[in-house]
Amino acid sequence: MRFGYLVAGAALMIAAPALAHVKLVSSTPAANAVVAAPSKLQLVFSEPVVAKFSGVDLEMTEMPGMKMTSPHKMQVSVSVAGDGKTMVVALAKPLPRGAYKLVWHAVASDTHRVEGSLSFKVK
């Protein structure tokens, strides 16, 4: 009887790592950074992401000297670099001064969607 519990316990411990989800490891610009107008944005994840099911929305949330009643969605295109872990966000044009919110979602081989966001400012 004890042997059965040991086998079941060992099976659970072996399966546990498979339950981990993709995580954001770093970003350029970093969260809460103040940067010069970037030419692209990058998100690096803990494991390869599935490009077809991963993406971002970039919104301008504040513009100096202008009252904004709602965030303004920026035009971007998203691709995954050759390493499979880096999501590259190409900007349609340089970002003007202001505050931005980048909302991302990523799907890895475990097929679970993970979401997050970060904010940064362009000086």
PDB file of N, CA and C in Angstrom:
ATOM      1  N   MET A   1       0.831  -1.194   0.000  1.00  0.00           N
ATOM      2  CA  MET A   1       0.000   0.000   0.000  1.00  0.00           C
ATOM      3  C   MET A   1       0.878   1.261   0.000  1.00  0.00           C
ATOM      4  N   ARG A   2       1.920   1.275   0.822  1.00  0.00           N
ATOM      5  CA  ARG A   2       2.799   2.443   0.871  1.00  0.00           C
ATOM      6  C   ARG A   2       3.466   2.683  -0.478  1.00  0.00           C
ATOM      7  N   PHE A   3       3.819   1.604  -1.155  1.00  0.00           N
ATOM      8  CA  PHE A   3       4.479   1.729  -2.448  1.00  0.00           C
ATOM      9  C   PHE A   3       3.612   2.524  -3.432  1.00  0.00           C
ATOM     10  N   GLY A   4       2.294   2.291  -3.417  1.00  0.00           N
ATOM     11  CA  GLY A   4       1.367   3.015  -4.287  1.00  0.00           C
ATOM     12  C   GLY A   4       1.375   4.510  -4.018  1.00  0.00           C
ATOM     13  N   TYR A   5       1.443   4.910  -2.747  1.00  0.00           N
ATOM     14  CA  TYR A   5       1.502   6.334  -2.400  1.00  0.00           C
ATOM     15  C   TYR A   5       2.813   6.951  -2.867  1.00  0.00           C
ATOM     16  N   LEU A   6       3.900   6.192  -2.737  1.00  0.00           N
ATOM     17  CA  LEU A   6       5.197   6.692  -3.184  1.00  0.00           C
ATOM     18  C   LEU A   6       5.207   6.915  -4.691  1.00  0.00           C
ATOM     19  N   VAL A   7       4.654   5.992  -5.432  1.00  0.00           N
ATOM     20  CA  VAL A   7       4.596   6.121  -6.886  1.00  0.00           C
ATOM     21  C   VAL A   7       3.731   7.318  -7.277  1.00  0.00           C
ATOM     22  N   ALA A   8       2.586   7.457  -6.651  1.00  0.00           N
ATOM     23  CA  ALA A   8       1.694   8.595  -6.947  1.00  0.00           C
ATOM     24  C   ALA A   8       2.373   9.906  -6.594  1.00  0.00           C
ATOM     25  N   GLY A   9       3.031   9.975  -5.452  1.00  0.00           N
ATOM     26  CA  GLY A   9       3.735  11.193  -5.045  1.00  0.00           C
ATOM     27  C   GLY A   9       4.862  11.535  -5.996  1.00  0.00           C
ATOM     28  N   ALA A  10       5.619  10.546  -6.431  1.00  0.00           N
ATOM     29  CA  ALA A  10       6.708  10.779  -7.381  1.00  0.00           C
ATOM     30  C   ALA A  10       6.163  11.279  -8.708  1.00  0.00           C
ATOM     31  N   ALA A  11       5.056  10.724  -9.155  1.00  0.00           N
ATOM     32  CA  ALA A  11       4.451  11.161 -10.419  1.00  0.00           C
ATOM     33  C   ALA A  11       4.025  12.621 -10.341  1.00  0.00           C
ATOM     34  N   LEU A  12       3.483  13.044  -9.229  1.00  0.00           N
ATOM     35  CA  LEU A  12       3.072  14.443  -9.066  1.00  0.00           C
ATOM     36  C   LEU A  12       4.277  15.366  -9.085  1.00  0.00           C
ATOM     37  N   MET A  13       5.360  14.968  -8.451  1.00  0.00           N
ATOM     38  CA  MET A  13       6.554  15.804  -8.408  1.00  0.00           C
ATOM     39  C   MET A  13       7.180  15.921  -9.793  1.00  0.00           C
ATOM     40  N   ILE A  14       7.141  14.877 -10.585  1.00  0.00           N
ATOM     41  CA  ILE A  14       7.690  14.915 -11.936  1.00  0.00           C
ATOM     42  C   ILE A  14       6.830  15.806 -12.832  1.00  0.00           C
ATOM     43  N   ALA A  15       5.528  15.782 -12.677  1.00  0.00           N
ATOM     44  CA  ALA A  15       4.622  16.565 -13.525  1.00  0.00           C
ATOM     45  C   ALA A  15       4.604  18.043 -13.154  1.00  0.00           C
ATOM     46  N   ALA A  16       5.000  18.408 -11.962  1.00  0.00           N
ATOM     47  CA  ALA A  16       4.901  19.792 -11.499  1.00  0.00           C
ATOM     48  C   ALA A  16       5.582  20.800 -12.411  1.00  0.00           C
ATOM     49  N   PRO A  17       6.809  20.567 -12.907  1.00  0.00           N
ATOM     50  CA  PRO A  17       7.431  21.565 -13.777  1.00  0.00           C
ATOM     51  C   PRO A  17       6.643  21.834 -15.052  1.00  0.00           C
ATOM     52  N   ALA A  18       5.890  20.886 -15.535  1.00  0.00           N
ATOM     53  CA  ALA A  18       5.119  21.078 -16.757  1.00  0.00           C
ATOM     54  C   ALA A  18       3.993  22.092 -16.571  1.00  0.00           C
ATOM     55  N   LEU A  19       3.653  22.413 -15.338  1.00  0.00           N
ATOM     56  CA  LEU A  19       2.584  23.362 -15.078  1.00  0.00           C
ATOM     57  C   LEU A  19       3.047  24.815 -15.133  1.00  0.00           C
ATOM     58  N   ALA A  20       4.341  25.053 -15.265  1.00  0.00           N
ATOM     59  CA  ALA A  20       4.867  26.419 -15.309  1.00  0.00           C
ATOM     60  C   ALA A  20       4.414  27.096 -16.596  1.00  0.00           C
ATOM     61  N   HIS A  21       4.122  28.388 -16.516  1.00  0.00           N
ATOM     62  CA  HIS A  21       3.700  29.167 -17.678  1.00  0.00           C
ATOM     63  C   HIS A  21       4.822  30.098 -18.098  1.00  0.00           C
ATOM     64  N   VAL A  22       4.742  30.561 -19.330  1.00  0.00           N
ATOM     65  CA  VAL A  22       5.715  31.514 -19.843  1.00  0.00           C
ATOM     66  C   VAL A  22       5.683  32.781 -18.977  1.00  0.00           C
ATOM     67  N   LYS A  23       6.835  33.383 -18.752  1.00  0.00           N
ATOM     68  CA  LYS A  23       6.942  34.598 -17.942  1.00  0.00           C
ATOM     69  C   LYS A  23       7.731  35.653 -18.708  1.00  0.00           C
ATOM     70  N   LEU A  24       7.376  36.913 -18.497  1.00  0.00           N
ATOM     71  CA  LEU A  24       8.153  38.006 -19.064  1.00  0.00           C
ATOM     72  C   LEU A  24       9.434  38.130 -18.252  1.00  0.00           C
ATOM     73  N   VAL A  25      10.584  38.050 -18.914  1.00  0.00           N
ATOM     74  CA  VAL A  25      11.882  38.120 -18.245  1.00  0.00           C
ATOM     75  C   VAL A  25      12.414  39.551 -18.250  1.00  0.00           C
ATOM     76  N   SER A  26      12.288  40.246 -19.400  1.00  0.00           N
ATOM     77  CA  SER A  26      12.765  41.625 -19.495  1.00  0.00           C
ATOM     78  C   SER A  26      12.053  42.333 -20.637  1.00  0.00           C
ATOM     79  N   SER A  27      12.183  43.653 -20.634  1.00  0.00           N
ATOM     80  CA  SER A  27      11.586  44.443 -21.711  1.00  0.00           C
ATOM     81  C   SER A  27      12.472  45.636 -22.024  1.00  0.00           C
ATOM     82  N   THR A  28      12.383  46.098 -23.274  1.00  0.00           N
ATOM     83  CA  THR A  28      13.071  47.311 -23.705  1.00  0.00           C
ATOM     84  C   THR A  28      12.038  48.174 -24.404  1.00  0.00           C
ATOM     85  N   PRO A  29      11.661  49.309 -23.833  1.00  0.00           N
ATOM     86  CA  PRO A  29      12.150  49.856 -22.574  1.00  0.00           C
ATOM     87  C   PRO A  29      11.630  49.058 -21.370  1.00  0.00           C
ATOM     88  N   ALA A  30      12.326  49.219 -20.267  1.00  0.00           N
ATOM     89  CA  ALA A  30      11.935  48.557 -19.024  1.00  0.00           C
ATOM     90  C   ALA A  30      10.682  49.228 -18.459  1.00  0.00           C
ATOM     91  N   ALA A  31       9.977  48.513 -17.617  1.00  0.00           N
ATOM     92  CA  ALA A  31       8.786  49.070 -16.960  1.00  0.00           C
ATOM     93  C   ALA A  31       9.172  50.330 -16.203  1.00  0.00           C
ATOM     94  N   ASN A  32       8.354  51.368 -16.344  1.00  0.00           N
ATOM     95  CA  ASN A  32       8.497  52.660 -15.664  1.00  0.00           C
ATOM     96  C   ASN A  32       9.733  53.456 -16.085  1.00  0.00           C
ATOM     97  N   ALA A  33      10.366  53.079 -17.191  1.00  0.00           N
ATOM     98  CA  ALA A  33      11.537  53.803 -17.686  1.00  0.00           C
ATOM     99  C   ALA A  33      11.114  55.096 -18.371  1.00  0.00           C
ATOM    100  N   VAL A  34      12.038  56.039 -18.423  1.00  0.00           N
ATOM    101  CA  VAL A  34      11.884  57.267 -19.200  1.00  0.00           C
ATOM    102  C   VAL A  34      12.983  57.204 -20.254  1.00  0.00           C
ATOM    103  N   VAL A  35      12.589  57.174 -21.530  1.00  0.00           N
ATOM    104  CA  VAL A  35      13.539  56.926 -22.612  1.00  0.00           C
ATOM    105  C   VAL A  35      13.387  57.942 -23.737  1.00  0.00           C
ATOM    106  N   ALA A  36      14.435  58.030 -24.570  1.00  0.00           N
ATOM    107  CA  ALA A  36      14.321  58.762 -25.830  1.00  0.00           C
ATOM    108  C   ALA A  36      13.423  57.925 -26.739  1.00  0.00           C
ATOM    109  N   ALA A  37      12.871  58.539 -27.759  1.00  0.00           N
ATOM    110  CA  ALA A  37      11.936  57.834 -28.646  1.00  0.00           C
ATOM    111  C   ALA A  37      12.559  56.548 -29.176  1.00  0.00           C
ATOM    112  N   PRO A  38      12.005  55.388 -28.804  1.00  0.00           N
ATOM    113  CA  PRO A  38      12.568  54.119 -29.264  1.00  0.00           C
ATOM    114  C   PRO A  38      12.196  53.832 -30.713  1.00  0.00           C
ATOM    115  N   SER A  39      13.040  53.062 -31.404  1.00  0.00           N
ATOM    116  CA  SER A  39      12.733  52.669 -32.778  1.00  0.00           C
ATOM    117  C   SER A  39      11.939  51.362 -32.800  1.00  0.00           C
ATOM    118  N   LYS A  40      12.020  50.595 -31.697  1.00  0.00           N
ATOM    119  CA  LYS A  40      11.254  49.362 -31.552  1.00  0.00           C
ATOM    120  C   LYS A  40      11.160  49.035 -30.067  1.00  0.00           C
ATOM    121  N   LEU A  41      10.259  48.134 -29.729  1.00  0.00           N
ATOM    122  CA  LEU A  41      10.107  47.654 -28.356  1.00  0.00           C
ATOM    123  C   LEU A  41      10.392  46.161 -28.382  1.00  0.00           C
ATOM    124  N   GLN A  42      10.902  45.633 -27.267  1.00  0.00           N
ATOM    125  CA  GLN A  42      11.178  44.200 -27.206  1.00  0.00           C
ATOM    126  C   GLN A  42      10.725  43.627 -25.873  1.00  0.00           C
ATOM    127  N   LEU A  43      10.159  42.449 -25.940  1.00  0.00           N
ATOM    128  CA  LEU A  43       9.760  41.696 -24.751  1.00  0.00           C
ATOM    129  C   LEU A  43      10.460  40.344 -24.820  1.00  0.00           C
ATOM    130  N   VAL A  44      11.171  39.981 -23.759  1.00  0.00           N
ATOM    131  CA  VAL A  44      11.880  38.698 -23.728  1.00  0.00           C
ATOM    132  C   VAL A  44      11.181  37.800 -22.716  1.00  0.00           C
ATOM    133  N   PHE A  45      10.833  36.596 -23.150  1.00  0.00           N
ATOM    134  CA  PHE A  45      10.094  35.653 -22.318  1.00  0.00           C
ATOM    135  C   PHE A  45      10.977  34.488 -21.878  1.00  0.00           C
ATOM    136  N   SER A  46      10.505  33.759 -20.895  1.00  0.00           N
ATOM    137  CA  SER A  46      11.256  32.655 -20.299  1.00  0.00           C
ATOM    138  C   SER A  46      11.347  31.433 -21.198  1.00  0.00           C
ATOM    139  N   GLU A  47      10.503  31.350 -22.190  1.00  0.00           N
ATOM    140  CA  GLU A  47      10.521  30.224 -23.122  1.00  0.00           C
ATOM    141  C   GLU A  47       9.940  30.695 -24.452  1.00  0.00           C
ATOM    142  N   PRO A  48      10.133  29.937 -25.520  1.00  0.00           N
ATOM    143  CA  PRO A  48       9.598  30.354 -26.820  1.00  0.00           C
ATOM    144  C   PRO A  48       8.080  30.556 -26.790  1.00  0.00           C
ATOM    145  N   VAL A  49       7.642  31.563 -27.542  1.00  0.00           N
ATOM    146  CA  VAL A  49       6.211  31.867 -27.626  1.00  0.00           C
ATOM    147  C   VAL A  49       5.703  31.520 -29.018  1.00  0.00           C
ATOM    148  N   VAL A  50       4.407  31.265 -29.113  1.00  0.00           N
ATOM    149  CA  VAL A  50       3.769  30.961 -30.393  1.00  0.00           C
ATOM    150  C   VAL A  50       3.314  32.290 -30.995  1.00  0.00           C
ATOM    151  N   ALA A  51       3.981  32.695 -32.075  1.00  0.00           N
ATOM    152  CA  ALA A  51       3.728  34.009 -32.675  1.00  0.00           C
ATOM    153  C   ALA A  51       2.258  34.214 -33.039  1.00  0.00           C
ATOM    154  N   LYS A  52       1.638  33.195 -33.577  1.00  0.00           N
ATOM    155  CA  LYS A  52       0.247  33.287 -34.037  1.00  0.00           C
ATOM    156  C   LYS A  52      -0.721  33.657 -32.912  1.00  0.00           C
ATOM    157  N   PHE A  53      -0.387  33.294 -31.683  1.00  0.00           N
ATOM    158  CA  PHE A  53      -1.293  33.515 -30.559  1.00  0.00           C
ATOM    159  C   PHE A  53      -0.771  34.534 -29.544  1.00  0.00           C
ATOM    160  N   SER A  54       0.296  35.234 -29.877  1.00  0.00           N
ATOM    161  CA  SER A  54       0.905  36.204 -28.966  1.00  0.00           C
ATOM    162  C   SER A  54       0.889  37.583 -29.621  1.00  0.00           C
ATOM    163  N   GLY A  55       0.827  38.635 -28.820  1.00  0.00           N
ATOM    164  CA  GLY A  55       0.805  39.977 -29.395  1.00  0.00           C
ATOM    165  C   GLY A  55       0.763  41.067 -28.347  1.00  0.00           C
ATOM    166  N   VAL A  56       0.612  42.298 -28.821  1.00  0.00           N
ATOM    167  CA  VAL A  56       0.599  43.466 -27.936  1.00  0.00           C
ATOM    168  C   VAL A  56      -0.398  44.508 -28.435  1.00  0.00           C
ATOM    169  N   ASP A  57      -0.771  45.391 -27.527  1.00  0.00           N
ATOM    170  CA  ASP A  57      -1.452  46.645 -27.847  1.00  0.00           C
ATOM    171  C   ASP A  57      -0.644  47.734 -27.176  1.00  0.00           C
ATOM    172  N   LEU A  58      -0.380  48.799 -27.905  1.00  0.00           N
ATOM    173  CA  LEU A  58       0.358  49.945 -27.368  1.00  0.00           C
ATOM    174  C   LEU A  58      -0.566  51.149 -27.386  1.00  0.00           C
ATOM    175  N   GLU A  59      -0.725  51.765 -26.215  1.00  0.00           N
ATOM    176  CA  GLU A  59      -1.591  52.942 -26.093  1.00  0.00           C
ATOM    177  C   GLU A  59      -0.817  54.124 -25.523  1.00  0.00           C
ATOM    178  N   MET A  60      -1.055  55.294 -26.109  1.00  0.00           N
ATOM    179  CA  MET A  60      -0.537  56.529 -25.523  1.00  0.00           C
ATOM    180  C   MET A  60      -1.565  56.952 -24.485  1.00  0.00           C
ATOM    181  N   THR A  61      -1.130  57.122 -23.243  1.00  0.00           N
ATOM    182  CA  THR A  61      -2.053  57.451 -22.163  1.00  0.00           C
ATOM    183  C   THR A  61      -1.976  58.911 -21.726  1.00  0.00           C
ATOM    184  N   GLU A  62      -0.900  59.587 -22.125  1.00  0.00           N
ATOM    185  CA  GLU A  62      -0.733  60.996 -21.726  1.00  0.00           C
ATOM    186  C   GLU A  62       0.195  61.674 -22.722  1.00  0.00           C
ATOM    187  N   MET A  63      -0.187  62.897 -23.132  1.00  0.00           N
ATOM    188  CA  MET A  63       0.653  63.681 -24.030  1.00  0.00           C
ATOM    189  C   MET A  63       0.817  65.074 -23.439  1.00  0.00           C
ATOM    190  N   PRO A  64       2.062  65.541 -23.266  1.00  0.00           N
ATOM    191  CA  PRO A  64       2.284  66.864 -22.668  1.00  0.00           C
ATOM    192  C   PRO A  64       1.550  67.963 -23.437  1.00  0.00           C
ATOM    193  N   GLY A  65       0.853  68.817 -22.692  1.00  0.00           N
ATOM    194  CA  GLY A  65       0.161  69.952 -23.278  1.00  0.00           C
ATOM    195  C   GLY A  65      -1.139  69.620 -23.986  1.00  0.00           C
ATOM    196  N   MET A  66      -1.592  68.387 -23.890  1.00  0.00           N
ATOM    197  CA  MET A  66      -2.825  68.006 -24.569  1.00  0.00           C
ATOM    198  C   MET A  66      -3.689  67.182 -23.631  1.00  0.00           C
ATOM    199  N   LYS A  67      -4.951  67.554 -23.529  1.00  0.00           N
ATOM    200  CA  LYS A  67      -5.867  66.784 -22.694  1.00  0.00           C
ATOM    201  C   LYS A  67      -6.363  65.578 -23.484  1.00  0.00           C
ATOM    202  N   MET A  68      -6.171  64.405 -22.896  1.00  0.00           N
ATOM    203  CA  MET A  68      -6.620  63.169 -23.556  1.00  0.00           C
ATOM    204  C   MET A  68      -7.817  62.632 -22.777  1.00  0.00           C
ATOM    205  N   THR A  69      -8.909  62.406 -23.473  1.00  0.00           N
ATOM    206  CA  THR A  69     -10.102  61.867 -22.811  1.00  0.00           C
ATOM    207  C   THR A  69     -10.059  60.345 -22.729  1.00  0.00           C
ATOM    208  N   SER A  70      -9.274  59.722 -23.615  1.00  0.00           N
ATOM    209  CA  SER A  70      -9.104  58.271 -23.572  1.00  0.00           C
ATOM    210  C   SER A  70      -7.753  57.933 -24.210  1.00  0.00           C
ATOM    211  N   PRO A  71      -7.215  56.774 -23.910  1.00  0.00           N
ATOM    212  CA  PRO A  71      -5.931  56.392 -24.511  1.00  0.00           C
ATOM    213  C   PRO A  71      -6.028  56.322 -26.031  1.00  0.00           C
ATOM    214  N   HIS A  72      -4.915  56.618 -26.679  1.00  0.00           N
ATOM    215  CA  HIS A  72      -4.841  56.574 -28.143  1.00  0.00           C
ATOM    216  C   HIS A  72      -4.042  55.345 -28.552  1.00  0.00           C
ATOM    217  N   LYS A  73      -4.662  54.431 -29.304  1.00  0.00           N
ATOM    218  CA  LYS A  73      -3.987  53.208 -29.734  1.00  0.00           C
ATOM    219  C   LYS A  73      -2.975  53.528 -30.832  1.00  0.00           C
ATOM    220  N   MET A  74      -1.757  53.022 -30.651  1.00  0.00           N
ATOM    221  CA  MET A  74      -0.684  53.257 -31.610  1.00  0.00           C
ATOM    222  C   MET A  74      -0.608  52.090 -32.594  1.00  0.00           C
ATOM    223  N   GLN A  75      -0.212  52.395 -33.819  1.00  0.00           N
ATOM    224  CA  GLN A  75      -0.075  51.363 -34.857  1.00  0.00           C
ATOM    225  C   GLN A  75       1.270  50.657 -34.688  1.00  0.00           C
ATOM    226  N   VAL A  76       1.230  49.329 -34.549  1.00  0.00           N
ATOM    227  CA  VAL A  76       2.440  48.521 -34.404  1.00  0.00           C
ATOM    228  C   VAL A  76       2.296  47.219 -35.182  1.00  0.00           C
ATOM    229  N   SER A  77       3.419  46.574 -35.425  1.00  0.00           N
ATOM    230  CA  SER A  77       3.399  45.213 -35.948  1.00  0.00           C
ATOM    231  C   SER A  77       4.321  44.379 -35.066  1.00  0.00           C
ATOM    232  N   VAL A  78       3.937  43.131 -34.857  1.00  0.00           N
ATOM    233  CA  VAL A  78       4.644  42.273 -33.910  1.00  0.00           C
ATOM    234  C   VAL A  78       5.197  41.048 -34.622  1.00  0.00           C
ATOM    235  N   SER A  79       6.435  40.704 -34.270  1.00  0.00           N
ATOM    236  CA  SER A  79       7.050  39.479 -34.783  1.00  0.00           C
ATOM    237  C   SER A  79       7.837  38.823 -33.651  1.00  0.00           C
ATOM    238  N   VAL A  80       8.198  37.584 -33.855  1.00  0.00           N
ATOM    239  CA  VAL A  80       9.008  36.866 -32.874  1.00  0.00           C
ATOM    240  C   VAL A  80      10.377  36.640 -33.502  1.00  0.00           C
ATOM    241  N   ALA A  81      11.433  37.014 -32.760  1.00  0.00           N
ATOM    242  CA  ALA A  81      12.800  36.879 -33.244  1.00  0.00           C
ATOM    243  C   ALA A  81      13.186  35.409 -33.376  1.00  0.00           C
ATOM    244  N   GLY A  82      14.317  35.158 -33.993  1.00  0.00           N
ATOM    245  CA  GLY A  82      14.789  33.807 -34.253  1.00  0.00           C
ATOM    246  C   GLY A  82      14.965  32.944 -33.016  1.00  0.00           C
ATOM    247  N   ASP A  83      15.213  33.553 -31.853  1.00  0.00           N
ATOM    248  CA  ASP A  83      15.375  32.761 -30.621  1.00  0.00           C
ATOM    249  C   ASP A  83      14.045  32.221 -30.112  1.00  0.00           C
ATOM    250  N   GLY A  84      12.926  32.730 -30.671  1.00  0.00           N
ATOM    251  CA  GLY A  84      11.598  32.282 -30.269  1.00  0.00           C
ATOM    252  C   GLY A  84      11.105  32.883 -28.965  1.00  0.00           C
ATOM    253  N   LYS A  85      12.002  33.493 -28.196  1.00  0.00           N
ATOM    254  CA  LYS A  85      11.647  34.040 -26.884  1.00  0.00           C
ATOM    255  C   LYS A  85      11.462  35.555 -26.897  1.00  0.00           C
ATOM    256  N   THR A  86      11.895  36.208 -27.963  1.00  0.00           N
ATOM    257  CA  THR A  86      11.858  37.673 -28.021  1.00  0.00           C
ATOM    258  C   THR A  86      10.763  38.150 -28.960  1.00  0.00           C
ATOM    259  N   MET A  87       9.812  38.894 -28.415  1.00  0.00           N
ATOM    260  CA  MET A  87       8.754  39.502 -29.213  1.00  0.00           C
ATOM    261  C   MET A  87       9.228  40.911 -29.579  1.00  0.00           C
ATOM    262  N   VAL A  88       9.271  41.210 -30.866  1.00  0.00           N
ATOM    263  CA  VAL A  88       9.732  42.501 -31.359  1.00  0.00           C
ATOM    264  C   VAL A  88       8.526  43.298 -31.836  1.00  0.00           C
ATOM    265  N   VAL A  89       8.387  44.502 -31.299  1.00  0.00           N
ATOM    266  CA  VAL A  89       7.267  45.376 -31.644  1.00  0.00           C
ATOM    267  C   VAL A  89       7.813  46.506 -32.506  1.00  0.00           C
ATOM    268  N   ALA A  90       7.494  46.467 -33.804  1.00  0.00           N
ATOM    269  CA  ALA A  90       7.930  47.511 -34.733  1.00  0.00           C
ATOM    270  C   ALA A  90       6.907  48.644 -34.699  1.00  0.00           C
ATOM    271  N   LEU A  91       7.409  49.856 -34.642  1.00  0.00           N
ATOM    272  CA  LEU A  91       6.549  51.042 -34.561  1.00  0.00           C
ATOM    273  C   LEU A  91       6.334  51.617 -35.957  1.00  0.00           C
ATOM    274  N   ALA A  92       5.120  52.028 -36.258  1.00  0.00           N
ATOM    275  CA  ALA A  92       4.808  52.607 -37.560  1.00  0.00           C
ATOM    276  C   ALA A  92       5.557  53.923 -37.760  1.00  0.00           C
ATOM    277  N   LYS A  93       5.762  54.667 -36.671  1.00  0.00           N
ATOM    278  CA  LYS A  93       6.534  55.914 -36.708  1.00  0.00           C
ATOM    279  C   LYS A  93       7.074  56.154 -35.299  1.00  0.00           C
ATOM    280  N   PRO A  94       8.085  57.011 -35.172  1.00  0.00           N
ATOM    281  CA  PRO A  94       8.642  57.271 -33.842  1.00  0.00           C
ATOM    282  C   PRO A  94       7.564  57.747 -32.862  1.00  0.00           C
ATOM    283  N   LEU A  95       7.686  57.317 -31.637  1.00  0.00           N
ATOM    284  CA  LEU A  95       6.713  57.715 -30.621  1.00  0.00           C
ATOM    285  C   LEU A  95       6.954  59.144 -30.176  1.00  0.00           C
ATOM    286  N   PRO A  96       5.911  59.978 -30.151  1.00  0.00           N
ATOM    287  CA  PRO A  96       6.068  61.337 -29.629  1.00  0.00           C
ATOM    288  C   PRO A  96       6.196  61.314 -28.102  1.00  0.00           C
ATOM    289  N   ARG A  97       6.641  62.454 -27.556  1.00  0.00           N
ATOM    290  CA  ARG A  97       6.752  62.567 -26.097  1.00  0.00           C
ATOM    291  C   ARG A  97       5.414  62.226 -25.460  1.00  0.00           C
ATOM    292  N   GLY A  98       5.482  61.521 -24.345  1.00  0.00           N
ATOM    293  CA  GLY A  98       4.262  61.175 -23.640  1.00  0.00           C
ATOM    294  C   GLY A  98       4.420  59.903 -22.839  1.00  0.00           C
ATOM    295  N   ALA A  99       3.307  59.454 -22.273  1.00  0.00           N
ATOM    296  CA  ALA A  99       3.276  58.238 -21.462  1.00  0.00           C
ATOM    297  C   ALA A  99       2.569  57.139 -22.253  1.00  0.00           C
ATOM    298  N   TYR A 100       3.058  55.905 -22.099  1.00  0.00           N
ATOM    299  CA  TYR A 100       2.546  54.782 -22.866  1.00  0.00           C
ATOM    300  C   TYR A 100       2.279  53.578 -21.968  1.00  0.00           C
ATOM    301  N   LYS A 101       1.326  52.773 -22.401  1.00  0.00           N
ATOM    302  CA  LYS A 101       1.037  51.504 -21.739  1.00  0.00           C
ATOM    303  C   LYS A 101       1.101  50.415 -22.799  1.00  0.00           C
ATOM    304  N   LEU A 102       1.932  49.416 -22.546  1.00  0.00           N
ATOM    305  CA  LEU A 102       2.073  48.278 -23.438  1.00  0.00           C
ATOM    306  C   LEU A 102       1.393  47.083 -22.777  1.00  0.00           C
ATOM    307  N   VAL A 103       0.345  46.587 -23.408  1.00  0.00           N
ATOM    308  CA  VAL A 103      -0.397  45.429 -22.895  1.00  0.00           C
ATOM    309  C   VAL A 103      -0.030  44.246 -23.785  1.00  0.00           C
ATOM    310  N   TRP A 104       0.486  43.190 -23.184  1.00  0.00           N
ATOM    311  CA  TRP A 104       0.944  42.042 -23.954  1.00  0.00           C
ATOM    312  C   TRP A 104       0.222  40.761 -23.549  1.00  0.00           C
ATOM    313  N   HIS A 105       0.219  39.818 -24.463  1.00  0.00           N
ATOM    314  CA  HIS A 105      -0.248  38.457 -24.171  1.00  0.00           C
ATOM    315  C   HIS A 105       0.672  37.494 -24.913  1.00  0.00           C
ATOM    316  N   ALA A 106       0.970  36.386 -24.257  1.00  0.00           N
ATOM    317  CA  ALA A 106       1.885  35.410 -24.837  1.00  0.00           C
ATOM    318  C   ALA A 106       1.358  34.001 -24.588  1.00  0.00           C
ATOM    319  N   VAL A 107       1.551  33.153 -25.574  1.00  0.00           N
ATOM    320  CA  VAL A 107       1.174  31.745 -25.480  1.00  0.00           C
ATOM    321  C   VAL A 107       2.416  30.925 -25.821  1.00  0.00           C
ATOM    322  N   ALA A 108       2.755  29.996 -24.940  1.00  0.00           N
ATOM    323  CA  ALA A 108       3.885  29.103 -25.185  1.00  0.00           C
ATOM    324  C   ALA A 108       3.353  27.721 -25.559  1.00  0.00           C
ATOM    325  N   SER A 109       4.225  26.751 -25.601  1.00  0.00           N
ATOM    326  CA  SER A 109       3.832  25.406 -26.027  1.00  0.00           C
ATOM    327  C   SER A 109       2.803  24.752 -25.104  1.00  0.00           C
ATOM    328  N   ASP A 110       2.680  25.245 -23.857  1.00  0.00           N
ATOM    329  CA  ASP A 110       1.667  24.673 -22.956  1.00  0.00           C
ATOM    330  C   ASP A 110       0.262  25.144 -23.303  1.00  0.00           C
ATOM    331  N   THR A 111       0.134  26.047 -24.263  1.00  0.00           N
ATOM    332  CA  THR A 111      -1.109  26.619 -24.798  1.00  0.00           C
ATOM    333  C   THR A 111      -1.865  27.510 -23.816  1.00  0.00           C
ATOM    334  N   HIS A 112      -1.275  27.861 -22.701  1.00  0.00           N
ATOM    335  CA  HIS A 112      -1.924  28.776 -21.756  1.00  0.00           C
ATOM    336  C   HIS A 112      -1.563  30.217 -22.097  1.00  0.00           C
ATOM    337  N   ARG A 113      -2.566  31.065 -22.168  1.00  0.00           N
ATOM    338  CA  ARG A 113      -2.357  32.489 -22.455  1.00  0.00           C
ATOM    339  C   ARG A 113      -1.997  33.198 -21.157  1.00  0.00           C
ATOM    340  N   VAL A 114      -0.897  33.939 -21.197  1.00  0.00           N
ATOM    341  CA  VAL A 114      -0.448  34.729 -20.057  1.00  0.00           C
ATOM    342  C   VAL A 114      -0.459  36.184 -20.511  1.00  0.00           C
ATOM    343  N   GLU A 115      -0.928  37.079 -19.648  1.00  0.00           N
ATOM    344  CA  GLU A 115      -1.056  38.489 -20.001  1.00  0.00           C
ATOM    345  C   GLU A 115      -0.353  39.375 -18.992  1.00  0.00           C
ATOM    346  N   GLY A 116      -0.016  40.563 -19.419  1.00  0.00           N
ATOM    347  CA  GLY A 116       0.578  41.534 -18.523  1.00  0.00           C
ATOM    348  C   GLY A 116       0.638  42.888 -19.188  1.00  0.00           C
ATOM    349  N   SER A 117       1.169  43.856 -18.472  1.00  0.00           N
ATOM    350  CA  SER A 117       1.315  45.187 -19.044  1.00  0.00           C
ATOM    351  C   SER A 117       2.481  45.890 -18.368  1.00  0.00           C
ATOM    352  N   LEU A 118       2.960  46.920 -19.029  1.00  0.00           N
ATOM    353  CA  LEU A 118       3.994  47.765 -18.443  1.00  0.00           C
ATOM    354  C   LEU A 118       3.812  49.170 -19.008  1.00  0.00           C
ATOM    355  N   SER A 119       4.263  50.125 -18.253  1.00  0.00           N
ATOM    356  CA  SER A 119       4.166  51.527 -18.677  1.00  0.00           C
ATOM    357  C   SER A 119       5.567  52.113 -18.792  1.00  0.00           C
ATOM    358  N   PHE A 120       5.705  53.094 -19.682  1.00  0.00           N
ATOM    359  CA  PHE A 120       6.970  53.813 -19.824  1.00  0.00           C
ATOM    360  C   PHE A 120       6.665  55.201 -20.387  1.00  0.00           C
ATOM    361  N   LYS A 121       7.659  56.084 -20.333  1.00  0.00           N
ATOM    362  CA  LYS A 121       7.501  57.433 -20.861  1.00  0.00           C
ATOM    363  C   LYS A 121       8.579  57.736 -21.889  1.00  0.00           C
ATOM    364  N   VAL A 122       8.208  58.524 -22.890  1.00  0.00           N
ATOM    365  CA  VAL A 122       9.146  59.009 -23.895  1.00  0.00           C
ATOM    366  C   VAL A 122       9.367  60.470 -23.610  1.00  0.00           C
ATOM    367  N   LYS A 123      10.656  60.841 -23.465  1.00  0.00           N
ATOM    368  CA  LYS A 123      10.984  62.259 -23.156  1.00  0.00           C
ATOM    369  C   LYS A 123      11.197  63.077 -24.403  1.00  0.00           C
TER     370      LYS A 123
END
